[in-house]
Amino acid sequence: MPAPRPQRGPKAVKMDPGTLLEAAQRVFARDGLDRASLRAIAREAGCDPALIYYHFENKEAMFAALLEEHLPPLAADLRRLARGADPRPTAVKLWLALRLFHLHLKDSAGFRSMVRGQLVRGAEGLERILAKKLLPAQLAVSSILRRGLRTGELRPDLDPFLAALLLIRMEAELLDLVPVLARLQPYLPPGAALPRAERAWFEVFWRGVASDPQAPLPDLIV
């Protein structure tokens, strides 16, 4: 009687890098990079952990790939907006900068959660990588603010780097909080809540940084 054939495990399922990165993003947002593991990412993606090594050396490489996917395109668009002798008022350019953050990050809640959690948790060494990747976008916005200082549109005691950070940080908060509150609070109409909140925040910000807070804002297109 022939010996029984050895039982084989389930056939490995091929995974493209994008699917693996989506799974990694969810795990990083939930557990933080320090507590995440390739085994947890593979479980989230529904594949064998060995398949990850076809595309990524380790979880840090996956984290870096996620940053590279989202942040350089945003920074490039912001640099184009800030560059050159653009005659539009500083208020308009700052508003357009916020619209770029909206465009690039509105549909990336998992990425926003991952970045926020990683900045707070601060896994050793990686918070510096994250800060470095975020810096070009912040510098582009601060260059718009410096232009406003030169033209006299902004108050002379303004710190453009810190002001850029505040403007960006609140936009990220609005993207996360307002859609949730609009579902829970009936006086916030779901379809209009986020545009209204972004416009309201920008007006508050602008009145705080403008050299003439009482001057009317130019037309801002949503």
N, C-alpha and C. Protein backbone atom coordinates (compact mmCIF):
# COMPACT_ATOMS: atom_id res chain seq x y z
N MET A 1 0.87 -1.20 0.00
CA MET A 1 0.00 0.00 0.00
C MET A 1 0.90 1.24 0.00
N PRO A 2 0.71 2.16 -0.98
CA PRO A 2 1.58 3.35 -1.05
C PRO A 2 1.40 4.24 0.17
N ALA A 3 2.51 4.84 0.54
CA ALA A 3 2.46 5.76 1.69
C ALA A 3 1.62 6.97 1.34
N PRO A 4 0.86 7.49 2.30
CA PRO A 4 0.03 8.69 2.03
C PRO A 4 0.90 9.91 1.73
N ARG A 5 0.44 10.71 0.80
CA ARG A 5 1.17 11.94 0.46
C ARG A 5 1.11 12.94 1.62
N PRO A 6 2.20 13.63 1.83
CA PRO A 6 2.18 14.65 2.90
C PRO A 6 1.19 15.76 2.57
N GLN A 7 0.51 16.23 3.58
CA GLN A 7 -0.46 17.32 3.40
C GLN A 7 0.27 18.63 3.16
N ARG A 8 -0.15 19.34 2.16
CA ARG A 8 0.42 20.66 1.88
C ARG A 8 -0.49 21.74 2.46
N GLY A 9 0.13 22.84 2.83
CA GLY A 9 -0.65 23.97 3.32
C GLY A 9 -1.36 24.65 2.18
N PRO A 10 -2.17 25.65 2.48
CA PRO A 10 -2.87 26.39 1.43
C PRO A 10 -1.90 27.10 0.51
N LYS A 11 -2.23 27.12 -0.74
CA LYS A 11 -1.38 27.78 -1.73
C LYS A 11 -1.26 29.27 -1.42
N ALA A 12 -0.04 29.78 -1.51
CA ALA A 12 0.19 31.19 -1.20
C ALA A 12 -0.59 32.08 -2.16
N VAL A 13 -1.18 33.11 -1.62
CA VAL A 13 -1.92 34.07 -2.44
C VAL A 13 -1.01 35.25 -2.74
N LYS A 14 -0.87 35.58 -4.02
CA LYS A 14 -0.03 36.71 -4.39
C LYS A 14 -0.68 38.01 -3.94
N MET A 15 0.16 38.92 -3.51
CA MET A 15 -0.32 40.23 -3.05
C MET A 15 0.47 41.31 -3.74
N ASP A 16 -0.23 42.32 -4.26
CA ASP A 16 0.49 43.45 -4.84
C ASP A 16 0.91 44.40 -3.72
N PRO A 17 1.93 45.22 -3.95
CA PRO A 17 2.42 46.11 -2.89
C PRO A 17 1.35 47.05 -2.35
N GLY A 18 0.45 47.53 -3.21
CA GLY A 18 -0.58 48.45 -2.74
C GLY A 18 -1.48 47.83 -1.70
N THR A 19 -1.88 46.57 -1.91
CA THR A 19 -2.73 45.89 -0.93
C THR A 19 -2.00 45.71 0.39
N LEU A 20 -0.72 45.36 0.32
CA LEU A 20 0.07 45.20 1.54
C LEU A 20 0.21 46.52 2.28
N LEU A 21 0.41 47.61 1.53
CA LEU A 21 0.56 48.91 2.18
C LEU A 21 -0.74 49.37 2.83
N GLU A 22 -1.86 49.08 2.20
CA GLU A 22 -3.15 49.43 2.81
C GLU A 22 -3.32 48.68 4.13
N ALA A 23 -2.95 47.42 4.15
CA ALA A 23 -3.04 46.64 5.40
C ALA A 23 -2.07 47.19 6.44
N ALA A 24 -0.86 47.51 6.02
CA ALA A 24 0.13 48.06 6.96
C ALA A 24 -0.35 49.37 7.54
N GLN A 25 -0.97 50.20 6.72
CA GLN A 25 -1.47 51.49 7.19
C GLN A 25 -2.50 51.31 8.29
N ARG A 26 -3.40 50.34 8.11
CA ARG A 26 -4.42 50.08 9.13
C ARG A 26 -3.78 49.58 10.43
N VAL A 27 -2.79 48.71 10.31
CA VAL A 27 -2.12 48.18 11.50
C VAL A 27 -1.33 49.27 12.20
N PHE A 28 -0.60 50.10 11.43
CA PHE A 28 0.17 51.18 12.03
C PHE A 28 -0.74 52.17 12.76
N ALA A 29 -1.89 52.48 12.14
CA ALA A 29 -2.81 53.43 12.76
C ALA A 29 -3.38 52.86 14.05
N ARG A 30 -3.61 51.56 14.07
CA ARG A 30 -4.22 50.93 15.25
C ARG A 30 -3.20 50.65 16.36
N ASP A 31 -2.04 50.12 15.99
CA ASP A 31 -1.09 49.62 16.99
C ASP A 31 0.15 50.48 17.17
N GLY A 32 0.41 51.39 16.22
CA GLY A 32 1.67 52.11 16.25
C GLY A 32 2.77 51.26 15.63
N LEU A 33 3.78 51.92 15.11
CA LEU A 33 4.84 51.19 14.42
C LEU A 33 5.63 50.31 15.37
N ASP A 34 5.82 50.76 16.60
CA ASP A 34 6.64 49.99 17.53
C ASP A 34 5.99 48.66 17.90
N ARG A 35 4.65 48.61 17.99
CA ARG A 35 3.97 47.37 18.37
C ARG A 35 3.49 46.56 17.18
N ALA A 36 3.54 47.15 16.00
CA ALA A 36 3.12 46.43 14.80
C ALA A 36 4.14 45.34 14.45
N SER A 37 3.68 44.34 13.73
CA SER A 37 4.57 43.27 13.29
C SER A 37 4.20 42.88 11.87
N LEU A 38 5.16 42.27 11.16
CA LEU A 38 4.85 41.79 9.82
C LEU A 38 3.78 40.71 9.87
N ARG A 39 3.77 39.92 10.93
CA ARG A 39 2.74 38.89 11.06
C ARG A 39 1.35 39.53 11.16
N ALA A 40 1.23 40.62 11.93
CA ALA A 40 -0.05 41.30 12.05
C ALA A 40 -0.46 41.93 10.73
N ILE A 41 0.50 42.48 10.00
CA ILE A 41 0.20 43.08 8.69
C ILE A 41 -0.26 42.01 7.72
N ALA A 42 0.43 40.86 7.72
CA ALA A 42 0.04 39.76 6.84
C ALA A 42 -1.36 39.26 7.19
N ARG A 43 -1.66 39.17 8.48
CA ARG A 43 -3.00 38.74 8.90
C ARG A 43 -4.06 39.74 8.41
N GLU A 44 -3.73 41.03 8.51
CA GLU A 44 -4.66 42.06 8.04
C GLU A 44 -4.87 41.98 6.53
N ALA A 45 -3.80 41.63 5.80
CA ALA A 45 -3.88 41.55 4.34
C ALA A 45 -4.42 40.20 3.87
N GLY A 46 -4.43 39.19 4.77
CA GLY A 46 -4.91 37.87 4.39
C GLY A 46 -3.90 37.08 3.59
N CYS A 47 -2.63 37.18 3.96
CA CYS A 47 -1.59 36.48 3.23
C CYS A 47 -0.57 35.90 4.20
N ASP A 48 0.35 35.10 3.67
CA ASP A 48 1.44 34.56 4.46
C ASP A 48 2.47 35.66 4.71
N PRO A 49 3.03 35.75 5.92
CA PRO A 49 4.05 36.80 6.18
C PRO A 49 5.23 36.76 5.22
N ALA A 50 5.57 35.58 4.73
CA ALA A 50 6.71 35.48 3.82
C ALA A 50 6.49 36.26 2.54
N LEU A 51 5.23 36.44 2.13
CA LEU A 51 4.96 37.16 0.89
C LEU A 51 5.35 38.63 0.98
N ILE A 52 5.34 39.17 2.17
CA ILE A 52 5.69 40.58 2.33
C ILE A 52 7.13 40.84 1.89
N TYR A 53 8.00 39.85 2.15
CA TYR A 53 9.43 40.05 1.86
C TYR A 53 9.72 40.13 0.36
N TYR A 54 8.78 39.73 -0.49
CA TYR A 54 8.97 39.94 -1.92
C TYR A 54 9.01 41.42 -2.28
N HIS A 55 8.38 42.24 -1.44
CA HIS A 55 8.24 43.66 -1.76
C HIS A 55 8.93 44.58 -0.75
N PHE A 56 8.97 44.19 0.52
CA PHE A 56 9.46 45.09 1.56
C PHE A 56 10.41 44.35 2.50
N GLU A 57 11.48 45.02 2.84
CA GLU A 57 12.49 44.41 3.71
C GLU A 57 11.98 44.22 5.13
N ASN A 58 11.21 45.19 5.63
CA ASN A 58 10.72 45.14 7.00
C ASN A 58 9.56 46.13 7.13
N LYS A 59 9.02 46.23 8.35
CA LYS A 59 7.88 47.12 8.56
C LYS A 59 8.29 48.58 8.42
N GLU A 60 9.54 48.91 8.75
CA GLU A 60 10.01 50.29 8.59
C GLU A 60 10.01 50.70 7.12
N ALA A 61 10.36 49.76 6.24
CA ALA A 61 10.33 50.05 4.80
C ALA A 61 8.89 50.28 4.33
N MET A 62 7.94 49.57 4.93
CA MET A 62 6.54 49.78 4.58
C MET A 62 6.07 51.15 5.05
N PHE A 63 6.48 51.53 6.24
CA PHE A 63 6.13 52.85 6.76
C PHE A 63 6.69 53.95 5.86
N ALA A 64 7.97 53.81 5.46
CA ALA A 64 8.59 54.80 4.58
C ALA A 64 7.88 54.87 3.23
N ALA A 65 7.44 53.72 2.72
CA ALA A 65 6.73 53.70 1.44
C ALA A 65 5.40 54.43 1.53
N LEU A 66 4.71 54.30 2.66
CA LEU A 66 3.45 55.02 2.85
C LEU A 66 3.68 56.53 2.89
N LEU A 67 4.73 56.96 3.58
CA LEU A 67 5.04 58.38 3.61
C LEU A 67 5.36 58.89 2.21
N GLU A 68 6.13 58.10 1.46
CA GLU A 68 6.53 58.51 0.12
C GLU A 68 5.34 58.59 -0.83
N GLU A 69 4.36 57.76 -0.59
CA GLU A 69 3.17 57.74 -1.44
C GLU A 69 2.33 59.00 -1.28
N HIS A 70 2.26 59.55 -0.07
CA HIS A 70 1.35 60.65 0.21
C HIS A 70 2.02 62.02 0.27
N LEU A 71 3.15 62.12 0.92
CA LEU A 71 3.67 63.45 1.27
C LEU A 71 4.44 64.17 0.16
N PRO A 72 5.33 63.52 -0.59
CA PRO A 72 6.02 64.26 -1.66
C PRO A 72 5.09 64.86 -2.72
N PRO A 73 4.02 64.16 -3.17
CA PRO A 73 3.12 64.81 -4.14
C PRO A 73 2.44 66.06 -3.57
N LEU A 74 2.04 66.00 -2.29
CA LEU A 74 1.45 67.17 -1.64
C LEU A 74 2.46 68.31 -1.58
N ALA A 75 3.68 68.02 -1.14
CA ALA A 75 4.71 69.06 -1.04
C ALA A 75 5.03 69.67 -2.40
N ALA A 76 5.04 68.85 -3.45
CA ALA A 76 5.33 69.36 -4.80
C ALA A 76 4.26 70.35 -5.25
N ASP A 77 2.98 70.02 -5.00
CA ASP A 77 1.90 70.95 -5.36
C ASP A 77 1.99 72.24 -4.56
N LEU A 78 2.34 72.13 -3.28
CA LEU A 78 2.46 73.33 -2.45
C LEU A 78 3.63 74.20 -2.90
N ARG A 79 4.73 73.59 -3.30
CA ARG A 79 5.87 74.38 -3.80
C ARG A 79 5.50 75.12 -5.08
N ARG A 80 4.75 74.45 -5.95
CA ARG A 80 4.32 75.13 -7.18
C ARG A 80 3.43 76.32 -6.85
N LEU A 81 2.57 76.17 -5.86
CA LEU A 81 1.69 77.27 -5.46
C LEU A 81 2.50 78.43 -4.88
N ALA A 82 3.54 78.12 -4.10
CA ALA A 82 4.32 79.15 -3.43
C ALA A 82 5.34 79.82 -4.33
N ARG A 83 5.70 79.16 -5.42
CA ARG A 83 6.80 79.62 -6.26
C ARG A 83 6.38 80.76 -7.17
N GLY A 84 7.35 81.63 -7.46
CA GLY A 84 7.17 82.63 -8.51
C GLY A 84 6.46 83.89 -8.06
N ALA A 85 6.35 84.82 -9.00
CA ALA A 85 5.75 86.12 -8.73
C ALA A 85 4.25 86.05 -8.98
N ASP A 86 3.57 85.31 -8.16
CA ASP A 86 2.12 85.15 -8.28
C ASP A 86 1.46 86.41 -7.72
N PRO A 87 0.64 87.11 -8.52
CA PRO A 87 0.07 88.38 -8.06
C PRO A 87 -1.12 88.23 -7.11
N ARG A 88 -1.60 87.02 -6.90
CA ARG A 88 -2.78 86.86 -6.05
C ARG A 88 -2.46 87.19 -4.60
N PRO A 89 -3.45 87.70 -3.85
CA PRO A 89 -3.22 88.05 -2.45
C PRO A 89 -2.78 86.84 -1.63
N THR A 90 -2.08 87.11 -0.55
CA THR A 90 -1.61 86.04 0.33
C THR A 90 -2.77 85.23 0.89
N ALA A 91 -3.88 85.88 1.21
CA ALA A 91 -5.04 85.16 1.73
C ALA A 91 -5.51 84.10 0.74
N VAL A 92 -5.53 84.43 -0.53
CA VAL A 92 -5.96 83.48 -1.55
C VAL A 92 -4.98 82.31 -1.64
N LYS A 93 -3.69 82.61 -1.60
CA LYS A 93 -2.71 81.53 -1.72
C LYS A 93 -2.74 80.62 -0.50
N LEU A 94 -2.95 81.17 0.66
CA LEU A 94 -3.05 80.32 1.86
C LEU A 94 -4.30 79.45 1.79
N TRP A 95 -5.39 80.02 1.32
CA TRP A 95 -6.61 79.24 1.17
C TRP A 95 -6.40 78.11 0.16
N LEU A 96 -5.73 78.39 -0.94
CA LEU A 96 -5.45 77.35 -1.92
C LEU A 96 -4.53 76.28 -1.35
N ALA A 97 -3.63 76.67 -0.46
CA ALA A 97 -2.77 75.69 0.20
C ALA A 97 -3.63 74.73 1.04
N LEU A 98 -4.61 75.27 1.75
CA LEU A 98 -5.50 74.40 2.52
C LEU A 98 -6.30 73.48 1.60
N ARG A 99 -6.69 73.99 0.44
CA ARG A 99 -7.44 73.15 -0.49
C ARG A 99 -6.57 72.00 -1.00
N LEU A 100 -5.26 72.23 -1.12
CA LEU A 100 -4.37 71.15 -1.53
C LEU A 100 -4.27 70.08 -0.45
N PHE A 101 -4.20 70.49 0.81
CA PHE A 101 -4.23 69.50 1.89
C PHE A 101 -5.54 68.71 1.84
N HIS A 102 -6.63 69.41 1.61
CA HIS A 102 -7.94 68.74 1.48
C HIS A 102 -7.90 67.73 0.34
N LEU A 103 -7.41 68.16 -0.81
CA LEU A 103 -7.39 67.30 -2.01
C LEU A 103 -6.57 66.04 -1.78
N HIS A 104 -5.38 66.19 -1.18
CA HIS A 104 -4.46 65.07 -1.04
C HIS A 104 -4.81 64.14 0.13
N LEU A 105 -5.44 64.66 1.18
CA LEU A 105 -5.58 63.87 2.41
C LEU A 105 -7.02 63.58 2.83
N LYS A 106 -8.00 64.20 2.18
CA LYS A 106 -9.38 64.02 2.61
C LYS A 106 -9.80 62.56 2.62
N ASP A 107 -9.40 61.79 1.63
CA ASP A 107 -9.83 60.40 1.52
C ASP A 107 -8.79 59.43 2.10
N SER A 108 -7.90 59.94 2.94
CA SER A 108 -6.82 59.10 3.49
C SER A 108 -6.86 59.13 5.01
N ALA A 109 -8.02 58.77 5.58
CA ALA A 109 -8.16 58.82 7.03
C ALA A 109 -7.17 57.90 7.73
N GLY A 110 -6.93 56.73 7.13
CA GLY A 110 -5.98 55.80 7.74
C GLY A 110 -4.57 56.37 7.77
N PHE A 111 -4.19 57.06 6.72
CA PHE A 111 -2.86 57.67 6.69
C PHE A 111 -2.76 58.78 7.72
N ARG A 112 -3.79 59.63 7.82
CA ARG A 112 -3.76 60.70 8.81
C ARG A 112 -3.66 60.13 10.22
N SER A 113 -4.42 59.08 10.48
CA SER A 113 -4.39 58.46 11.80
C SER A 113 -3.01 57.86 12.08
N MET A 114 -2.42 57.25 11.08
CA MET A 114 -1.10 56.65 11.24
C MET A 114 -0.06 57.71 11.58
N VAL A 115 -0.08 58.82 10.83
CA VAL A 115 0.89 59.89 11.05
C VAL A 115 0.72 60.51 12.43
N ARG A 116 -0.53 60.82 12.78
CA ARG A 116 -0.79 61.44 14.08
C ARG A 116 -0.36 60.52 15.22
N GLY A 117 -0.71 59.25 15.12
CA GLY A 117 -0.33 58.31 16.16
C GLY A 117 1.16 58.13 16.28
N GLN A 118 1.84 58.12 15.13
CA GLN A 118 3.29 57.92 15.17
C GLN A 118 4.01 59.13 15.75
N LEU A 119 3.51 60.33 15.46
CA LEU A 119 4.11 61.53 16.04
C LEU A 119 3.95 61.54 17.55
N VAL A 120 2.79 61.08 18.02
CA VAL A 120 2.54 61.07 19.46
C VAL A 120 3.35 59.98 20.14
N ARG A 121 3.34 58.76 19.54
CA ARG A 121 4.05 57.65 20.16
C ARG A 121 5.56 57.82 20.05
N GLY A 122 6.02 58.28 18.86
CA GLY A 122 7.43 58.57 18.69
C GLY A 122 8.34 57.36 18.80
N ALA A 123 8.13 56.34 17.95
CA ALA A 123 9.05 55.21 17.94
C ALA A 123 10.46 55.71 17.65
N GLU A 124 11.42 55.16 18.34
CA GLU A 124 12.78 55.69 18.32
C GLU A 124 13.32 55.78 16.90
N GLY A 125 13.78 56.96 16.53
CA GLY A 125 14.38 57.18 15.22
C GLY A 125 13.38 57.50 14.13
N LEU A 126 12.20 56.90 14.18
CA LEU A 126 11.25 57.07 13.08
C LEU A 126 10.51 58.39 13.15
N GLU A 127 10.38 58.96 14.35
CA GLU A 127 9.74 60.27 14.41
C GLU A 127 10.56 61.31 13.65
N ARG A 128 11.87 61.13 13.61
CA ARG A 128 12.72 62.05 12.83
C ARG A 128 12.48 61.87 11.34
N ILE A 129 12.31 60.63 10.91
CA ILE A 129 12.01 60.38 9.50
C ILE A 129 10.68 61.02 9.13
N LEU A 130 9.69 60.85 9.99
CA LEU A 130 8.37 61.42 9.73
C LEU A 130 8.43 62.95 9.70
N ALA A 131 9.10 63.54 10.67
CA ALA A 131 9.22 64.99 10.70
C ALA A 131 9.92 65.51 9.44
N LYS A 132 10.94 64.78 8.99
CA LYS A 132 11.66 65.19 7.79
C LYS A 132 10.76 65.13 6.56
N LYS A 133 9.90 64.11 6.48
CA LYS A 133 9.00 63.98 5.34
C LYS A 133 7.91 65.05 5.36
N LEU A 134 7.50 65.47 6.56
CA LEU A 134 6.47 66.51 6.67
C LEU A 134 7.02 67.91 6.42
N LEU A 135 8.32 68.08 6.62
CA LEU A 135 8.92 69.41 6.58
C LEU A 135 8.73 70.14 5.25
N PRO A 136 8.91 69.51 4.07
CA PRO A 136 8.76 70.27 2.81
C PRO A 136 7.40 70.93 2.65
N ALA A 137 6.32 70.24 3.09
CA ALA A 137 4.99 70.85 2.99
C ALA A 137 4.89 72.05 3.91
N GLN A 138 5.41 71.91 5.12
CA GLN A 138 5.36 73.02 6.07
C GLN A 138 6.19 74.21 5.58
N LEU A 139 7.34 73.94 5.00
CA LEU A 139 8.19 75.01 4.48
C LEU A 139 7.52 75.73 3.32
N ALA A 140 6.81 74.99 2.47
CA ALA A 140 6.13 75.62 1.34
C ALA A 140 5.06 76.59 1.83
N VAL A 141 4.29 76.18 2.84
CA VAL A 141 3.25 77.07 3.39
C VAL A 141 3.91 78.26 4.08
N SER A 142 5.00 78.02 4.80
CA SER A 142 5.66 79.13 5.49
C SER A 142 6.26 80.12 4.49
N SER A 143 6.63 79.66 3.30
CA SER A 143 7.15 80.60 2.29
C SER A 143 6.05 81.51 1.78
N ILE A 144 4.81 81.01 1.72
CA ILE A 144 3.68 81.88 1.36
C ILE A 144 3.49 82.94 2.44
N LEU A 145 3.61 82.53 3.69
CA LEU A 145 3.47 83.48 4.80
C LEU A 145 4.60 84.51 4.79
N ARG A 146 5.81 84.08 4.46
CA ARG A 146 6.92 85.04 4.39
C ARG A 146 6.69 86.07 3.29
N ARG A 147 6.09 85.62 2.21
CA ARG A 147 5.75 86.58 1.14
C ARG A 147 4.76 87.61 1.66
N GLY A 148 3.77 87.14 2.44
CA GLY A 148 2.80 88.07 3.01
C GLY A 148 3.44 89.06 3.97
N LEU A 149 4.50 88.64 4.66
CA LEU A 149 5.24 89.57 5.53
C LEU A 149 5.94 90.63 4.69
N ARG A 150 6.52 90.22 3.57
CA ARG A 150 7.23 91.18 2.72
C ARG A 150 6.28 92.19 2.09
N THR A 151 5.07 91.75 1.74
CA THR A 151 4.12 92.66 1.11
C THR A 151 3.34 93.49 2.11
N GLY A 152 3.52 93.21 3.41
CA GLY A 152 2.81 93.96 4.43
C GLY A 152 1.41 93.48 4.69
N GLU A 153 1.02 92.34 4.11
CA GLU A 153 -0.34 91.82 4.33
C GLU A 153 -0.47 91.14 5.70
N LEU A 154 0.66 90.74 6.29
CA LEU A 154 0.64 90.02 7.56
C LEU A 154 1.30 90.84 8.65
N ARG A 155 0.91 90.60 9.87
CA ARG A 155 1.46 91.34 11.00
C ARG A 155 2.97 91.07 11.12
N PRO A 156 3.76 92.07 11.40
CA PRO A 156 5.21 91.92 11.32
C PRO A 156 5.81 91.01 12.38
N ASP A 157 5.09 90.74 13.47
CA ASP A 157 5.64 89.87 14.53
C ASP A 157 5.30 88.40 14.31
N LEU A 158 4.73 88.07 13.17
CA LEU A 158 4.31 86.70 12.90
C LEU A 158 5.51 85.79 12.69
N ASP A 159 5.47 84.60 13.29
CA ASP A 159 6.46 83.55 13.02
C ASP A 159 5.89 82.67 11.91
N PRO A 160 6.40 82.76 10.68
CA PRO A 160 5.77 82.04 9.56
C PRO A 160 5.83 80.53 9.70
N PHE A 161 6.90 80.01 10.30
CA PHE A 161 7.03 78.56 10.43
C PHE A 161 5.98 78.01 11.40
N LEU A 162 5.81 78.65 12.55
CA LEU A 162 4.81 78.20 13.52
C LEU A 162 3.39 78.44 13.00
N ALA A 163 3.19 79.56 12.31
CA ALA A 163 1.86 79.83 11.75
C ALA A 163 1.48 78.77 10.73
N ALA A 164 2.44 78.34 9.92
CA ALA A 164 2.18 77.28 8.94
C ALA A 164 1.78 75.99 9.65
N LEU A 165 2.48 75.68 10.73
CA LEU A 165 2.16 74.46 11.49
C LEU A 165 0.74 74.51 12.04
N LEU A 166 0.33 75.66 12.58
CA LEU A 166 -1.01 75.79 13.14
C LEU A 166 -2.08 75.66 12.05
N LEU A 167 -1.82 76.29 10.92
CA LEU A 167 -2.79 76.23 9.82
C LEU A 167 -2.99 74.80 9.34
N ILE A 168 -1.88 74.07 9.17
CA ILE A 168 -1.93 72.70 8.68
C ILE A 168 -2.56 71.77 9.72
N ARG A 169 -2.16 71.96 10.96
CA ARG A 169 -2.63 71.06 12.03
C ARG A 169 -4.14 71.11 12.17
N MET A 170 -4.72 72.30 12.12
CA MET A 170 -6.16 72.40 12.29
C MET A 170 -6.89 71.82 11.09
N GLU A 171 -6.34 71.96 9.91
CA GLU A 171 -6.98 71.34 8.74
C GLU A 171 -7.04 69.83 8.92
N ALA A 172 -5.98 69.22 9.42
CA ALA A 172 -5.99 67.78 9.66
C ALA A 172 -7.05 67.41 10.69
N GLU A 173 -7.20 68.22 11.73
CA GLU A 173 -8.22 67.96 12.74
C GLU A 173 -9.62 68.06 12.14
N LEU A 174 -9.84 69.06 11.31
CA LEU A 174 -11.16 69.23 10.70
C LEU A 174 -11.51 68.03 9.82
N LEU A 175 -10.55 67.55 9.05
CA LEU A 175 -10.80 66.41 8.17
C LEU A 175 -11.24 65.18 8.96
N ASP A 176 -10.72 65.04 10.19
CA ASP A 176 -11.05 63.88 11.00
C ASP A 176 -12.35 64.08 11.79
N LEU A 177 -12.54 65.25 12.37
CA LEU A 177 -13.61 65.43 13.34
C LEU A 177 -14.95 65.85 12.72
N VAL A 178 -14.91 66.75 11.75
CA VAL A 178 -16.17 67.33 11.26
C VAL A 178 -17.08 66.29 10.62
N PRO A 179 -16.59 65.39 9.75
CA PRO A 179 -17.52 64.40 9.18
C PRO A 179 -18.18 63.53 10.24
N VAL A 180 -17.45 63.19 11.32
CA VAL A 180 -18.04 62.39 12.39
C VAL A 180 -19.11 63.19 13.12
N LEU A 181 -18.79 64.44 13.47
CA LEU A 181 -19.76 65.27 14.20
C LEU A 181 -21.00 65.54 13.34
N ALA A 182 -20.80 65.67 12.03
CA ALA A 182 -21.94 65.94 11.15
C ALA A 182 -22.93 64.77 11.15
N ARG A 183 -22.43 63.57 11.37
CA ARG A 183 -23.33 62.40 11.45
C ARG A 183 -24.05 62.33 12.79
N LEU A 184 -23.45 62.91 13.82
CA LEU A 184 -23.99 62.77 15.17
C LEU A 184 -24.79 63.98 15.64
N GLN A 185 -24.55 65.13 15.03
CA GLN A 185 -25.19 66.36 15.49
C GLN A 185 -26.07 66.90 14.37
N PRO A 186 -27.37 66.91 14.53
CA PRO A 186 -28.28 67.24 13.43
C PRO A 186 -28.17 68.68 12.93
N TYR A 187 -27.60 69.59 13.74
CA TYR A 187 -27.51 70.97 13.27
C TYR A 187 -26.31 71.20 12.36
N LEU A 188 -25.51 70.14 12.11
CA LEU A 188 -24.42 70.24 11.13
C LEU A 188 -24.84 69.47 9.89
N PRO A 189 -25.22 70.15 8.80
CA PRO A 189 -25.64 69.42 7.59
C PRO A 189 -24.48 68.63 7.01
N PRO A 190 -24.62 67.31 6.82
CA PRO A 190 -23.50 66.46 6.42
C PRO A 190 -22.78 66.92 5.16
N GLY A 191 -23.53 67.31 4.13
CA GLY A 191 -22.89 67.67 2.88
C GLY A 191 -22.09 68.96 2.94
N ALA A 192 -22.50 69.89 3.81
CA ALA A 192 -21.87 71.20 3.84
C ALA A 192 -20.99 71.41 5.07
N ALA A 193 -20.97 70.46 5.99
CA ALA A 193 -20.29 70.68 7.26
C ALA A 193 -18.80 70.93 7.08
N LEU A 194 -18.13 70.08 6.31
CA LEU A 194 -16.68 70.23 6.17
C LEU A 194 -16.29 71.52 5.45
N PRO A 195 -16.89 71.85 4.29
CA PRO A 195 -16.54 73.13 3.66
C PRO A 195 -16.79 74.33 4.57
N ARG A 196 -17.90 74.31 5.31
CA ARG A 196 -18.20 75.42 6.22
C ARG A 196 -17.18 75.52 7.34
N ALA A 197 -16.79 74.36 7.88
CA ALA A 197 -15.81 74.36 8.96
C ALA A 197 -14.45 74.83 8.48
N GLU A 198 -14.05 74.40 7.29
CA GLU A 198 -12.75 74.82 6.75
C GLU A 198 -12.74 76.32 6.49
N ARG A 199 -13.83 76.83 5.94
CA ARG A 199 -13.90 78.28 5.68
C ARG A 199 -13.90 79.05 7.01
N ALA A 200 -14.64 78.58 7.99
CA ALA A 200 -14.69 79.27 9.29
C ALA A 200 -13.32 79.28 9.95
N TRP A 201 -12.62 78.14 9.91
CA TRP A 201 -11.29 78.09 10.50
C TRP A 201 -10.34 79.04 9.78
N PHE A 202 -10.42 79.09 8.45
CA PHE A 202 -9.51 79.96 7.71
C PHE A 202 -9.77 81.42 8.07
N GLU A 203 -11.02 81.80 8.21
CA GLU A 203 -11.32 83.19 8.57
C GLU A 203 -10.75 83.53 9.94
N VAL A 204 -10.91 82.61 10.91
CA VAL A 204 -10.35 82.84 12.24
C VAL A 204 -8.83 82.98 12.16
N PHE A 205 -8.20 82.08 11.42
CA PHE A 205 -6.74 82.11 11.27
C PHE A 205 -6.30 83.42 10.63
N TRP A 206 -6.97 83.79 9.53
CA TRP A 206 -6.57 84.98 8.80
C TRP A 206 -6.71 86.24 9.65
N ARG A 207 -7.78 86.36 10.41
CA ARG A 207 -7.95 87.54 11.27
C ARG A 207 -6.83 87.62 12.31
N GLY A 208 -6.26 86.50 12.68
CA GLY A 208 -5.19 86.50 13.66
C GLY A 208 -3.83 86.85 13.09
N VAL A 209 -3.63 86.62 11.78
CA VAL A 209 -2.30 86.86 11.20
C VAL A 209 -2.25 88.10 10.32
N ALA A 210 -3.40 88.61 9.89
CA ALA A 210 -3.42 89.73 8.95
C ALA A 210 -2.99 91.03 9.62
N SER A 211 -2.31 91.86 8.86
CA SER A 211 -1.94 93.18 9.38
C SER A 211 -3.17 94.06 9.57
N ASP A 212 -4.21 93.85 8.78
CA ASP A 212 -5.48 94.56 8.94
C ASP A 212 -6.59 93.54 9.09
N PRO A 213 -6.89 93.09 10.32
CA PRO A 213 -7.89 92.04 10.52
C PRO A 213 -9.29 92.43 10.06
N GLN A 214 -9.56 93.73 9.95
CA GLN A 214 -10.91 94.17 9.57
C GLN A 214 -11.12 94.23 8.06
N ALA A 215 -10.04 94.13 7.30
CA ALA A 215 -10.19 94.21 5.85
C ALA A 215 -10.96 92.98 5.34
N PRO A 216 -11.87 93.17 4.38
CA PRO A 216 -12.63 92.02 3.88
C PRO A 216 -11.74 91.02 3.16
N LEU A 217 -12.04 89.76 3.31
CA LEU A 217 -11.32 88.72 2.59
C LEU A 217 -11.69 88.73 1.12
N PRO A 218 -10.74 88.40 0.25
CA PRO A 218 -11.11 88.25 -1.16
C PRO A 218 -11.98 87.01 -1.35
N ASP A 219 -12.54 86.88 -2.52
CA ASP A 219 -13.37 85.71 -2.81
C ASP A 219 -12.52 84.43 -2.71
N LEU A 220 -13.04 83.45 -1.98
CA LEU A 220 -12.34 82.18 -1.81
C LEU A 220 -13.20 81.08 -2.41
N ILE A 221 -12.64 80.32 -3.34
CA ILE A 221 -13.39 79.28 -4.04
C ILE A 221 -13.18 77.96 -3.32
N VAL A 222 -14.27 77.29 -2.99
CA VAL A 222 -14.20 75.97 -2.36
C VAL A 222 -14.03 74.91 -3.43
